[in-house]
Every structure is written in structure tokens, then in C-alpha cells.
Amino acid sequence: MILLNKLITLWRQKKPMSPPTISTTSKPARSVFSKSYFGLGLALLTGFIWQEFAHFSWQRLAQLQADNAYKQFSGFLLAGYLASQWRCSILRNQGFMQQAAKLLNQHKLLGALAPVFFYAHAQHIGYAYLQVLSLVYFALFLTGLCNVEITGIHKQWFRRIWLTVHVGLATSLVFLLGYHIFVSYAY
């Protein structure tokens, strides 16, 4: 009540309220590489790109991936992984911001593992629509990896654009994944 009276008094006097002070003893900004998920994701992506351009293929995994049962199992595992990554967005859309915020670090860490889940299902990017599916998958991974926290750009316009691109790619991936599942079972 006292605070409300003080605000009304200030408003009546038309004195500008002083902005909150920022402590000069705050912690220094940490390096991009101190974010464990960023370093992990970057290392996994580098490894995947290296093996893709070097035409490296792990023969034991290639034999497993040739098996129809393994393809289905790894595909369902990958789909489950992607579905679990949607939890933050669903919670936010339902208004559960605090629960979504609690899951954000887990979302980032699991997101950094995206190349591993992809590699378990397919060692290479593929051709035609599979290449588009793969490129959208890795573009989604990169936008997640290079988020507002990592880039250091804390402007509201950048956050909106980043979130729109990230969620837009995730939504596109759902449709491409649906098409992939349809084609896989249709033939």
C-alpha cells in the first residue's frame, strides 16, 4: 500500500522515476565455449560433417541400418526424441512458462545431441527429399545451437526472429517427417 501511494505521489508530481540500478559487481559474461551444450553440439556436428565429406562409413552401423527392423526402431527412437523436444513449446503455448523454463536446459542439452540421433538412423544426408529433410533437421539444430544466449544478441526483435525461425523449422520438420514415414511404409 505504501508503494502504491508513493507511485501515485510521483505520478501526480510528474517526476520521472529513476531506473533500477545495475550492480557493477555482477559476474563477467562467460565464454560461448563455457556452455557445455554448445561445445558438445559443435563437436558432434563437426564430426558428422567430417565423416560426410570424407565419405566415411562405419560398416557395422551400415549393416544394422540396412536391416528393416533396425530402420524402424531407430526411426521411432528419432521420432520420440523429436517429440520430446516439443515439450517446451507446448508448455509455453499452454501458458506454463515456469515449467517450460525449467525444461529449457534439458531441451538445449538434448538438442545438442541431435547429430547422434541422426547418425544412429542414417550415416549420410541422402538425396532428393531425404536431403531436404536432413538439411532442415540440421538447420533446426544450428538455430537451436546458436540461440540468443550464445550469440549475445539480447534485442527483442532478434529473439522474435530467432524463435520464429527455430519453431518454423521444427514445424517444417514435422511435415517432412510425416512424408518420410508415409513414403517409407508405402513402398
N, C-alpha and C. Protein backbone atom coordinates (compact mmCIF):
# COMPACT_ATOMS: atom_id res chain seq x y z
N MET A 1 0.82 -1.19 0.00
CA MET A 1 0.00 0.00 0.00
C MET A 1 0.87 1.25 0.00
N ILE A 2 1.94 1.21 0.77
CA ILE A 2 2.86 2.35 0.83
C ILE A 2 3.49 2.58 -0.53
N LEU A 3 3.86 1.47 -1.20
CA LEU A 3 4.46 1.58 -2.52
C LEU A 3 3.48 2.19 -3.51
N LEU A 4 2.23 1.81 -3.45
CA LEU A 4 1.21 2.35 -4.33
C LEU A 4 1.03 3.85 -4.09
N ASN A 5 0.98 4.27 -2.83
CA ASN A 5 0.88 5.69 -2.51
C ASN A 5 2.08 6.47 -3.05
N LYS A 6 3.25 5.88 -2.93
CA LYS A 6 4.46 6.54 -3.41
C LYS A 6 4.41 6.71 -4.93
N LEU A 7 3.95 5.67 -5.65
CA LEU A 7 3.82 5.76 -7.10
C LEU A 7 2.81 6.81 -7.51
N ILE A 8 1.69 6.88 -6.80
CA ILE A 8 0.66 7.88 -7.12
C ILE A 8 1.20 9.28 -6.87
N THR A 9 1.93 9.46 -5.78
CA THR A 9 2.52 10.75 -5.47
C THR A 9 3.52 11.16 -6.55
N LEU A 10 4.36 10.24 -6.97
CA LEU A 10 5.33 10.54 -8.03
C LEU A 10 4.62 10.88 -9.33
N TRP A 11 3.54 10.18 -9.62
CA TRP A 11 2.82 10.42 -10.87
C TRP A 11 2.17 11.79 -10.85
N ARG A 12 1.61 12.16 -9.69
CA ARG A 12 0.98 13.48 -9.55
C ARG A 12 2.01 14.59 -9.68
N GLN A 13 3.20 14.39 -9.17
CA GLN A 13 4.25 15.39 -9.26
C GLN A 13 4.91 15.39 -10.63
N LYS A 14 4.63 14.37 -11.39
CA LYS A 14 5.17 14.18 -12.74
C LYS A 14 6.69 14.17 -12.75
N LYS A 15 7.24 13.57 -11.71
CA LYS A 15 8.69 13.38 -11.66
C LYS A 15 8.98 12.03 -12.28
N PRO A 16 9.99 11.98 -13.13
CA PRO A 16 10.33 10.67 -13.70
C PRO A 16 10.93 9.77 -12.63
N MET A 17 10.50 8.52 -12.68
CA MET A 17 11.05 7.54 -11.74
C MET A 17 12.44 7.15 -12.22
N SER A 18 13.33 7.01 -11.29
CA SER A 18 14.69 6.63 -11.66
C SER A 18 14.71 5.15 -12.05
N PRO A 19 15.48 4.82 -13.08
CA PRO A 19 15.56 3.43 -13.50
C PRO A 19 16.29 2.60 -12.45
N PRO A 20 16.00 1.32 -12.42
CA PRO A 20 16.71 0.47 -11.46
C PRO A 20 18.21 0.46 -11.75
N THR A 21 18.98 0.44 -10.70
CA THR A 21 20.43 0.43 -10.88
C THR A 21 20.92 -0.98 -11.12
N ILE A 22 21.95 -1.06 -11.91
CA ILE A 22 22.57 -2.35 -12.23
C ILE A 22 23.87 -2.45 -11.46
N SER A 23 24.04 -3.53 -10.80
CA SER A 23 25.22 -3.73 -9.99
C SER A 23 26.47 -3.82 -10.87
N THR A 24 27.49 -3.12 -10.47
CA THR A 24 28.75 -3.19 -11.22
C THR A 24 29.59 -4.36 -10.76
N THR A 25 29.13 -5.06 -9.74
CA THR A 25 29.88 -6.21 -9.25
C THR A 25 29.31 -7.53 -9.78
N SER A 26 28.52 -7.43 -10.88
CA SER A 26 27.95 -8.66 -11.43
C SER A 26 29.04 -9.52 -12.06
N LYS A 27 28.71 -10.77 -12.24
CA LYS A 27 29.68 -11.72 -12.79
C LYS A 27 30.00 -11.37 -14.24
N PRO A 28 31.24 -11.56 -14.67
CA PRO A 28 31.57 -11.29 -16.06
C PRO A 28 30.88 -12.32 -16.96
N ALA A 29 30.61 -11.90 -18.18
CA ALA A 29 29.97 -12.81 -19.14
C ALA A 29 30.87 -14.00 -19.42
N ARG A 30 30.25 -15.18 -19.46
CA ARG A 30 31.03 -16.37 -19.72
C ARG A 30 31.25 -16.55 -21.21
N SER A 31 32.28 -17.26 -21.55
CA SER A 31 32.62 -17.52 -22.94
C SER A 31 31.56 -18.42 -23.57
N VAL A 32 31.42 -18.32 -24.88
CA VAL A 32 30.50 -19.18 -25.62
C VAL A 32 30.84 -20.64 -25.38
N PHE A 33 32.11 -20.96 -25.32
CA PHE A 33 32.52 -22.35 -25.17
C PHE A 33 32.36 -22.87 -23.75
N SER A 34 32.01 -21.98 -22.80
CA SER A 34 31.76 -22.46 -21.45
C SER A 34 30.36 -23.06 -21.33
N LYS A 35 29.54 -22.88 -22.33
CA LYS A 35 28.21 -23.50 -22.36
C LYS A 35 28.42 -24.93 -22.83
N SER A 36 28.22 -25.88 -21.95
CA SER A 36 28.55 -27.28 -22.25
C SER A 36 27.79 -27.80 -23.46
N TYR A 37 26.53 -27.44 -23.60
CA TYR A 37 25.76 -27.95 -24.73
C TYR A 37 26.28 -27.41 -26.05
N PHE A 38 26.79 -26.18 -26.06
CA PHE A 38 27.31 -25.60 -27.29
C PHE A 38 28.56 -26.34 -27.76
N GLY A 39 29.49 -26.57 -26.84
CA GLY A 39 30.71 -27.30 -27.20
C GLY A 39 30.42 -28.72 -27.65
N LEU A 40 29.51 -29.38 -26.95
CA LEU A 40 29.14 -30.75 -27.32
C LEU A 40 28.49 -30.78 -28.70
N GLY A 41 27.53 -29.90 -28.92
CA GLY A 41 26.85 -29.84 -30.21
C GLY A 41 27.78 -29.50 -31.35
N LEU A 42 28.68 -28.56 -31.12
CA LEU A 42 29.64 -28.17 -32.15
C LEU A 42 30.59 -29.33 -32.48
N ALA A 43 31.04 -30.05 -31.48
CA ALA A 43 31.93 -31.20 -31.70
C ALA A 43 31.22 -32.30 -32.47
N LEU A 44 29.97 -32.59 -32.10
CA LEU A 44 29.21 -33.63 -32.79
C LEU A 44 28.90 -33.24 -34.23
N LEU A 45 28.56 -31.98 -34.45
CA LEU A 45 28.30 -31.52 -35.82
C LEU A 45 29.57 -31.57 -36.65
N THR A 46 30.69 -31.16 -36.09
CA THR A 46 31.97 -31.21 -36.80
C THR A 46 32.31 -32.64 -37.20
N GLY A 47 32.11 -33.57 -36.27
CA GLY A 47 32.36 -34.98 -36.57
C GLY A 47 31.46 -35.49 -37.68
N PHE A 48 30.18 -35.10 -37.64
CA PHE A 48 29.25 -35.56 -38.68
C PHE A 48 29.64 -34.98 -40.04
N ILE A 49 29.96 -33.70 -40.08
CA ILE A 49 30.36 -33.06 -41.35
C ILE A 49 31.63 -33.70 -41.88
N TRP A 50 32.59 -33.96 -40.99
CA TRP A 50 33.84 -34.60 -41.43
C TRP A 50 33.55 -35.95 -42.06
N GLN A 51 32.77 -36.79 -41.41
CA GLN A 51 32.51 -38.13 -41.96
C GLN A 51 31.68 -38.05 -43.24
N GLU A 52 30.83 -37.03 -43.36
CA GLU A 52 30.02 -36.88 -44.58
C GLU A 52 30.90 -36.53 -45.77
N PHE A 53 31.80 -35.57 -45.60
CA PHE A 53 32.65 -35.15 -46.72
C PHE A 53 33.81 -36.11 -46.97
N ALA A 54 34.22 -36.86 -45.95
CA ALA A 54 35.29 -37.84 -46.13
C ALA A 54 34.73 -39.18 -46.63
N HIS A 55 33.41 -39.25 -46.80
CA HIS A 55 32.73 -40.48 -47.24
C HIS A 55 33.08 -41.66 -46.33
N PHE A 56 33.19 -41.34 -45.04
CA PHE A 56 33.46 -42.37 -44.05
C PHE A 56 32.16 -43.08 -43.72
N SER A 57 32.23 -44.39 -43.56
CA SER A 57 31.05 -45.14 -43.18
C SER A 57 31.46 -46.22 -42.18
N TRP A 58 30.81 -46.25 -41.07
CA TRP A 58 31.05 -47.25 -40.04
C TRP A 58 30.31 -48.51 -40.50
N GLN A 59 31.06 -49.54 -40.89
CA GLN A 59 30.48 -50.72 -41.54
C GLN A 59 29.48 -51.46 -40.65
N ARG A 60 29.77 -51.62 -39.40
CA ARG A 60 28.84 -52.34 -38.51
C ARG A 60 27.51 -51.60 -38.41
N LEU A 61 27.57 -50.28 -38.29
CA LEU A 61 26.35 -49.48 -38.24
C LEU A 61 25.63 -49.52 -39.59
N ALA A 62 26.38 -49.51 -40.68
CA ALA A 62 25.76 -49.59 -42.01
C ALA A 62 25.01 -50.90 -42.19
N GLN A 63 25.56 -51.99 -41.66
CA GLN A 63 24.87 -53.28 -41.72
C GLN A 63 23.58 -53.24 -40.91
N LEU A 64 23.65 -52.63 -39.74
CA LEU A 64 22.44 -52.50 -38.91
C LEU A 64 21.39 -51.64 -39.62
N GLN A 65 21.85 -50.54 -40.21
CA GLN A 65 20.91 -49.63 -40.88
C GLN A 65 20.29 -50.25 -42.13
N ALA A 66 20.91 -51.28 -42.67
CA ALA A 66 20.34 -51.98 -43.82
C ALA A 66 19.21 -52.91 -43.39
N ASP A 67 19.16 -53.26 -42.13
CA ASP A 67 18.11 -54.13 -41.59
C ASP A 67 16.83 -53.33 -41.40
N ASN A 68 15.72 -53.83 -41.92
CA ASN A 68 14.44 -53.13 -41.87
C ASN A 68 13.97 -52.91 -40.42
N ALA A 69 14.16 -53.91 -39.57
CA ALA A 69 13.74 -53.77 -38.17
C ALA A 69 14.53 -52.66 -37.47
N TYR A 70 15.84 -52.59 -37.74
CA TYR A 70 16.66 -51.54 -37.13
C TYR A 70 16.23 -50.17 -37.66
N LYS A 71 15.94 -50.08 -38.96
CA LYS A 71 15.50 -48.80 -39.53
C LYS A 71 14.25 -48.30 -38.81
N GLN A 72 13.31 -49.22 -38.59
CA GLN A 72 12.08 -48.82 -37.91
C GLN A 72 12.35 -48.44 -36.47
N PHE A 73 13.15 -49.24 -35.78
CA PHE A 73 13.46 -48.95 -34.38
C PHE A 73 14.16 -47.60 -34.23
N SER A 74 15.19 -47.37 -35.04
CA SER A 74 15.92 -46.10 -34.94
C SER A 74 15.06 -44.93 -35.39
N GLY A 75 14.17 -45.17 -36.35
CA GLY A 75 13.24 -44.12 -36.78
C GLY A 75 12.26 -43.74 -35.68
N PHE A 76 11.73 -44.74 -34.99
CA PHE A 76 10.82 -44.45 -33.87
C PHE A 76 11.57 -43.76 -32.73
N LEU A 77 12.81 -44.17 -32.49
CA LEU A 77 13.63 -43.52 -31.47
C LEU A 77 13.87 -42.05 -31.83
N LEU A 78 14.17 -41.80 -33.09
CA LEU A 78 14.39 -40.43 -33.57
C LEU A 78 13.10 -39.61 -33.47
N ALA A 79 11.98 -40.21 -33.84
CA ALA A 79 10.69 -39.52 -33.75
C ALA A 79 10.34 -39.22 -32.29
N GLY A 80 10.62 -40.16 -31.40
CA GLY A 80 10.39 -39.92 -29.98
C GLY A 80 11.26 -38.81 -29.43
N TYR A 81 12.50 -38.79 -29.88
CA TYR A 81 13.43 -37.72 -29.48
C TYR A 81 12.88 -36.36 -29.93
N LEU A 82 12.44 -36.28 -31.18
CA LEU A 82 11.91 -35.02 -31.70
C LEU A 82 10.63 -34.62 -30.97
N ALA A 83 9.78 -35.60 -30.66
CA ALA A 83 8.55 -35.30 -29.92
C ALA A 83 8.86 -34.77 -28.52
N SER A 84 9.89 -35.32 -27.88
CA SER A 84 10.25 -34.84 -26.55
C SER A 84 10.78 -33.41 -26.60
N GLN A 85 11.37 -33.02 -27.72
CA GLN A 85 11.88 -31.67 -27.86
C GLN A 85 10.75 -30.64 -28.01
N TRP A 86 9.58 -31.09 -28.35
CA TRP A 86 8.44 -30.19 -28.49
C TRP A 86 7.82 -29.81 -27.15
N ARG A 87 8.23 -30.45 -26.06
CA ARG A 87 7.61 -30.18 -24.76
C ARG A 87 7.69 -28.71 -24.35
N CYS A 88 8.83 -28.07 -24.56
CA CYS A 88 8.98 -26.66 -24.18
C CYS A 88 7.97 -25.78 -24.90
N SER A 89 7.85 -25.99 -26.20
CA SER A 89 6.93 -25.19 -27.00
C SER A 89 5.48 -25.43 -26.58
N ILE A 90 5.13 -26.67 -26.34
CA ILE A 90 3.76 -26.99 -25.93
C ILE A 90 3.43 -26.37 -24.58
N LEU A 91 4.36 -26.48 -23.64
CA LEU A 91 4.13 -25.89 -22.32
C LEU A 91 3.99 -24.36 -22.42
N ARG A 92 4.81 -23.74 -23.23
CA ARG A 92 4.73 -22.28 -23.41
C ARG A 92 3.39 -21.88 -24.01
N ASN A 93 2.95 -22.63 -25.02
CA ASN A 93 1.68 -22.30 -25.66
C ASN A 93 0.48 -22.51 -24.74
N GLN A 94 0.61 -23.39 -23.77
CA GLN A 94 -0.46 -23.62 -22.81
C GLN A 94 -0.38 -22.68 -21.61
N GLY A 95 0.62 -21.80 -21.61
CA GLY A 95 0.74 -20.81 -20.54
C GLY A 95 1.56 -21.26 -19.34
N PHE A 96 2.19 -22.40 -19.41
CA PHE A 96 3.01 -22.91 -18.31
C PHE A 96 4.47 -22.47 -18.50
N MET A 97 4.70 -21.18 -18.36
CA MET A 97 6.02 -20.61 -18.63
C MET A 97 7.08 -21.10 -17.65
N GLN A 98 6.72 -21.25 -16.38
CA GLN A 98 7.72 -21.69 -15.39
C GLN A 98 8.16 -23.13 -15.65
N GLN A 99 7.23 -24.00 -16.01
CA GLN A 99 7.60 -25.39 -16.30
C GLN A 99 8.45 -25.45 -17.56
N ALA A 100 8.11 -24.61 -18.55
CA ALA A 100 8.90 -24.58 -19.78
C ALA A 100 10.31 -24.07 -19.50
N ALA A 101 10.41 -23.08 -18.64
CA ALA A 101 11.73 -22.53 -18.29
C ALA A 101 12.58 -23.57 -17.57
N LYS A 102 11.95 -24.40 -16.75
CA LYS A 102 12.69 -25.46 -16.04
C LYS A 102 13.22 -26.50 -17.01
N LEU A 103 12.50 -26.73 -18.11
CA LEU A 103 12.93 -27.73 -19.09
C LEU A 103 13.91 -27.19 -20.12
N LEU A 104 14.13 -25.90 -20.12
CA LEU A 104 14.94 -25.29 -21.18
C LEU A 104 16.37 -25.81 -21.22
N ASN A 105 17.02 -25.99 -20.08
CA ASN A 105 18.39 -26.51 -20.08
C ASN A 105 18.44 -27.94 -20.60
N GLN A 106 17.45 -28.75 -20.21
CA GLN A 106 17.37 -30.12 -20.72
C GLN A 106 17.11 -30.10 -22.23
N HIS A 107 16.26 -29.18 -22.68
CA HIS A 107 15.96 -29.02 -24.10
C HIS A 107 17.23 -28.69 -24.89
N LYS A 108 18.05 -27.80 -24.35
CA LYS A 108 19.30 -27.41 -25.01
C LYS A 108 20.29 -28.56 -25.06
N LEU A 109 20.43 -29.28 -23.96
CA LEU A 109 21.38 -30.39 -23.91
C LEU A 109 20.95 -31.52 -24.85
N LEU A 110 19.66 -31.87 -24.82
CA LEU A 110 19.17 -32.90 -25.74
C LEU A 110 19.28 -32.43 -27.18
N GLY A 111 19.04 -31.15 -27.42
CA GLY A 111 19.18 -30.59 -28.77
C GLY A 111 20.61 -30.71 -29.28
N ALA A 112 21.58 -30.57 -28.39
CA ALA A 112 22.98 -30.70 -28.79
C ALA A 112 23.31 -32.12 -29.24
N LEU A 113 22.51 -33.08 -28.82
CA LEU A 113 22.73 -34.49 -29.20
C LEU A 113 22.08 -34.86 -30.53
N ALA A 114 21.48 -33.91 -31.21
CA ALA A 114 20.78 -34.18 -32.46
C ALA A 114 21.62 -34.93 -33.50
N PRO A 115 22.90 -34.60 -33.71
CA PRO A 115 23.68 -35.36 -34.68
C PRO A 115 23.81 -36.85 -34.33
N VAL A 116 23.85 -37.18 -33.04
CA VAL A 116 23.96 -38.58 -32.62
C VAL A 116 22.69 -39.34 -33.00
N PHE A 117 21.54 -38.75 -32.72
CA PHE A 117 20.28 -39.40 -33.07
C PHE A 117 20.14 -39.57 -34.58
N PHE A 118 20.57 -38.55 -35.33
CA PHE A 118 20.53 -38.64 -36.78
C PHE A 118 21.46 -39.74 -37.28
N TYR A 119 22.67 -39.75 -36.74
CA TYR A 119 23.68 -40.72 -37.17
C TYR A 119 23.25 -42.16 -36.86
N ALA A 120 22.55 -42.34 -35.76
CA ALA A 120 22.07 -43.69 -35.42
C ALA A 120 21.05 -44.18 -36.43
N HIS A 121 20.33 -43.24 -37.05
CA HIS A 121 19.31 -43.61 -38.04
C HIS A 121 19.87 -43.64 -39.46
N ALA A 122 20.71 -42.69 -39.78
CA ALA A 122 21.29 -42.60 -41.13
C ALA A 122 22.67 -41.97 -41.04
N GLN A 123 23.64 -42.61 -41.67
CA GLN A 123 25.01 -42.09 -41.60
C GLN A 123 25.27 -40.95 -42.57
N HIS A 124 24.40 -40.81 -43.57
CA HIS A 124 24.61 -39.77 -44.58
C HIS A 124 23.33 -38.98 -44.81
N ILE A 125 23.49 -37.83 -45.41
CA ILE A 125 22.38 -36.91 -45.59
C ILE A 125 21.33 -37.45 -46.56
N GLY A 126 21.73 -38.09 -47.63
CA GLY A 126 20.76 -38.65 -48.57
C GLY A 126 20.57 -37.76 -49.79
N TYR A 127 19.59 -38.13 -50.59
CA TYR A 127 19.31 -37.43 -51.84
C TYR A 127 17.83 -37.06 -51.89
N ALA A 128 17.51 -36.13 -52.79
CA ALA A 128 16.14 -35.70 -53.06
C ALA A 128 15.46 -35.21 -51.78
N TYR A 129 14.25 -35.72 -51.49
CA TYR A 129 13.53 -35.21 -50.32
C TYR A 129 14.25 -35.56 -49.02
N LEU A 130 15.03 -36.66 -49.01
CA LEU A 130 15.78 -37.01 -47.80
C LEU A 130 16.86 -35.96 -47.51
N GLN A 131 17.42 -35.39 -48.58
CA GLN A 131 18.41 -34.34 -48.40
C GLN A 131 17.74 -33.09 -47.81
N VAL A 132 16.55 -32.77 -48.32
CA VAL A 132 15.81 -31.62 -47.77
C VAL A 132 15.47 -31.87 -46.30
N LEU A 133 14.98 -33.07 -46.00
CA LEU A 133 14.67 -33.44 -44.61
C LEU A 133 15.90 -33.31 -43.73
N SER A 134 17.03 -33.81 -44.20
CA SER A 134 18.27 -33.75 -43.42
C SER A 134 18.74 -32.32 -43.22
N LEU A 135 18.66 -31.52 -44.27
CA LEU A 135 19.13 -30.13 -44.17
C LEU A 135 18.24 -29.31 -43.24
N VAL A 136 16.94 -29.56 -43.27
CA VAL A 136 16.04 -28.88 -42.34
C VAL A 136 16.36 -29.31 -40.91
N TYR A 137 16.62 -30.59 -40.72
CA TYR A 137 16.98 -31.14 -39.41
C TYR A 137 18.23 -30.43 -38.86
N PHE A 138 19.26 -30.32 -39.70
CA PHE A 138 20.50 -29.70 -39.22
C PHE A 138 20.38 -28.18 -39.13
N ALA A 139 19.54 -27.56 -39.96
CA ALA A 139 19.30 -26.12 -39.82
C ALA A 139 18.59 -25.84 -38.50
N LEU A 140 17.64 -26.70 -38.15
CA LEU A 140 16.96 -26.59 -36.86
C LEU A 140 17.97 -26.75 -35.71
N PHE A 141 18.84 -27.73 -35.85
CA PHE A 141 19.89 -27.96 -34.86
C PHE A 141 20.78 -26.72 -34.72
N LEU A 142 21.20 -26.14 -35.84
CA LEU A 142 22.08 -24.97 -35.79
C LEU A 142 21.40 -23.75 -35.20
N THR A 143 20.11 -23.55 -35.53
CA THR A 143 19.43 -22.40 -34.93
C THR A 143 19.28 -22.60 -33.42
N GLY A 144 19.06 -23.84 -33.00
CA GLY A 144 18.99 -24.11 -31.57
C GLY A 144 20.34 -23.92 -30.89
N LEU A 145 21.38 -24.34 -31.57
CA LEU A 145 22.72 -24.23 -31.01
C LEU A 145 23.16 -22.77 -30.90
N CYS A 146 22.85 -21.98 -31.90
CA CYS A 146 23.23 -20.56 -31.92
C CYS A 146 22.07 -19.69 -31.44
N ASN A 147 21.63 -19.94 -30.23
CA ASN A 147 20.48 -19.24 -29.68
C ASN A 147 20.88 -17.87 -29.14
N VAL A 148 19.90 -17.18 -28.57
CA VAL A 148 20.12 -15.82 -28.04
C VAL A 148 21.21 -15.81 -26.98
N GLU A 149 21.25 -16.82 -26.14
CA GLU A 149 22.25 -16.91 -25.08
C GLU A 149 23.67 -17.00 -25.65
N ILE A 150 23.83 -17.76 -26.72
CA ILE A 150 25.15 -17.95 -27.33
C ILE A 150 25.57 -16.75 -28.16
N THR A 151 24.65 -16.21 -28.96
CA THR A 151 25.02 -15.08 -29.83
C THR A 151 25.27 -13.81 -29.04
N GLY A 152 24.63 -13.70 -27.88
CA GLY A 152 24.80 -12.50 -27.06
C GLY A 152 23.96 -11.34 -27.54
N ILE A 153 23.10 -11.56 -28.52
CA ILE A 153 22.21 -10.51 -29.01
C ILE A 153 20.91 -10.62 -28.22
N HIS A 154 20.69 -9.70 -27.32
CA HIS A 154 19.53 -9.78 -26.44
C HIS A 154 18.44 -8.78 -26.84
N LYS A 155 18.44 -8.36 -28.08
CA LYS A 155 17.40 -7.46 -28.57
C LYS A 155 16.12 -8.25 -28.78
N GLN A 156 15.00 -7.60 -28.49
CA GLN A 156 13.71 -8.27 -28.59
C GLN A 156 13.40 -8.68 -30.04
N TRP A 157 13.77 -7.85 -31.02
CA TRP A 157 13.49 -8.19 -32.41
C TRP A 157 14.27 -9.44 -32.84
N PHE A 158 15.50 -9.58 -32.35
CA PHE A 158 16.30 -10.75 -32.69
C PHE A 158 15.71 -12.01 -32.07
N ARG A 159 15.26 -11.89 -30.83
CA ARG A 159 14.65 -13.03 -30.15
C ARG A 159 13.39 -13.50 -30.89
N ARG A 160 12.58 -12.55 -31.33
CA ARG A 160 11.36 -12.91 -32.07
C ARG A 160 11.70 -13.61 -33.39
N ILE A 161 12.65 -13.05 -34.12
CA ILE A 161 13.04 -13.66 -35.40
C ILE A 161 13.64 -15.04 -35.16
N TRP A 162 14.54 -15.15 -34.18
CA TRP A 162 15.18 -16.43 -33.89
C TRP A 162 14.14 -17.48 -33.52
N LEU A 163 13.21 -17.13 -32.64
CA LEU A 163 12.19 -18.07 -32.20
C LEU A 163 11.27 -18.47 -33.36
N THR A 164 10.93 -17.52 -34.21
CA THR A 164 10.09 -17.82 -35.37
C THR A 164 10.79 -18.78 -36.31
N VAL A 165 12.06 -18.55 -36.57
CA VAL A 165 12.82 -19.44 -37.45
C VAL A 165 12.95 -20.82 -36.82
N HIS A 166 13.29 -20.87 -35.54
CA HIS A 166 13.50 -22.15 -34.85
C HIS A 166 12.22 -22.98 -34.82
N VAL A 167 11.12 -22.37 -34.44
CA VAL A 167 9.84 -23.09 -34.39
C VAL A 167 9.33 -23.38 -35.79
N GLY A 168 9.57 -22.47 -36.73
CA GLY A 168 9.17 -22.71 -38.12
C GLY A 168 9.89 -23.91 -38.72
N LEU A 169 11.19 -24.01 -38.47
CA LEU A 169 11.95 -25.17 -38.94
C LEU A 169 11.47 -26.45 -38.26
N ALA A 170 11.17 -26.38 -36.97
CA ALA A 170 10.67 -27.55 -36.24
C ALA A 170 9.33 -28.00 -36.81
N THR A 171 8.47 -27.05 -37.14
CA THR A 171 7.17 -27.38 -37.73
C THR A 171 7.35 -27.98 -39.12
N SER A 172 8.23 -27.41 -39.91
CA SER A 172 8.53 -27.96 -41.25
C SER A 172 9.05 -29.37 -41.13
N LEU A 173 9.89 -29.60 -40.13
CA LEU A 173 10.46 -30.92 -39.92
C LEU A 173 9.37 -31.95 -39.62
N VAL A 174 8.36 -31.55 -38.88
CA VAL A 174 7.25 -32.47 -38.56
C VAL A 174 6.56 -32.91 -39.85
N PHE A 175 6.28 -31.95 -40.75
CA PHE A 175 5.63 -32.30 -42.01
C PHE A 175 6.52 -33.16 -42.91
N LEU A 176 7.81 -32.82 -42.99
CA LEU A 176 8.74 -33.63 -43.77
C LEU A 176 8.90 -35.02 -43.18
N LEU A 177 8.91 -35.10 -41.88
CA LEU A 177 9.00 -36.40 -41.21
C LEU A 177 7.76 -37.24 -41.49
N GLY A 178 6.60 -36.60 -41.47
CA GLY A 178 5.36 -37.31 -41.82
C GLY A 178 5.40 -37.86 -43.23
N TYR A 179 5.90 -37.05 -44.16
CA TYR A 179 6.05 -37.50 -45.55
C TYR A 179 7.03 -38.66 -45.63
N HIS A 180 8.13 -38.57 -44.91
CA HIS A 180 9.14 -39.63 -44.90
C HIS A 180 8.55 -40.94 -44.37
N ILE A 181 7.79 -40.86 -43.31
CA ILE A 181 7.16 -42.05 -42.75
C ILE A 181 6.17 -42.64 -43.75
N PHE A 182 5.39 -41.79 -44.40
CA PHE A 182 4.43 -42.25 -45.41
C PHE A 182 5.14 -42.98 -46.55
N VAL A 183 6.20 -42.36 -47.07
CA VAL A 183 6.95 -42.98 -48.18
C VAL A 183 7.61 -44.28 -47.73
N SER A 184 8.13 -44.29 -46.51
CA SER A 184 8.80 -45.50 -46.01
C SER A 184 7.86 -46.69 -45.91
N TYR A 185 6.63 -46.44 -45.49
CA TYR A 185 5.69 -47.54 -45.32
C TYR A 185 4.87 -47.81 -46.58
N ALA A 186 4.81 -46.86 -47.49
CA ALA A 186 4.05 -47.05 -48.72
C ALA A 186 4.80 -47.94 -49.71
N TYR A 187 6.13 -47.97 -49.60
CA TYR A 187 6.91 -48.76 -50.57
C TYR A 187 7.59 -49.91 -49.91
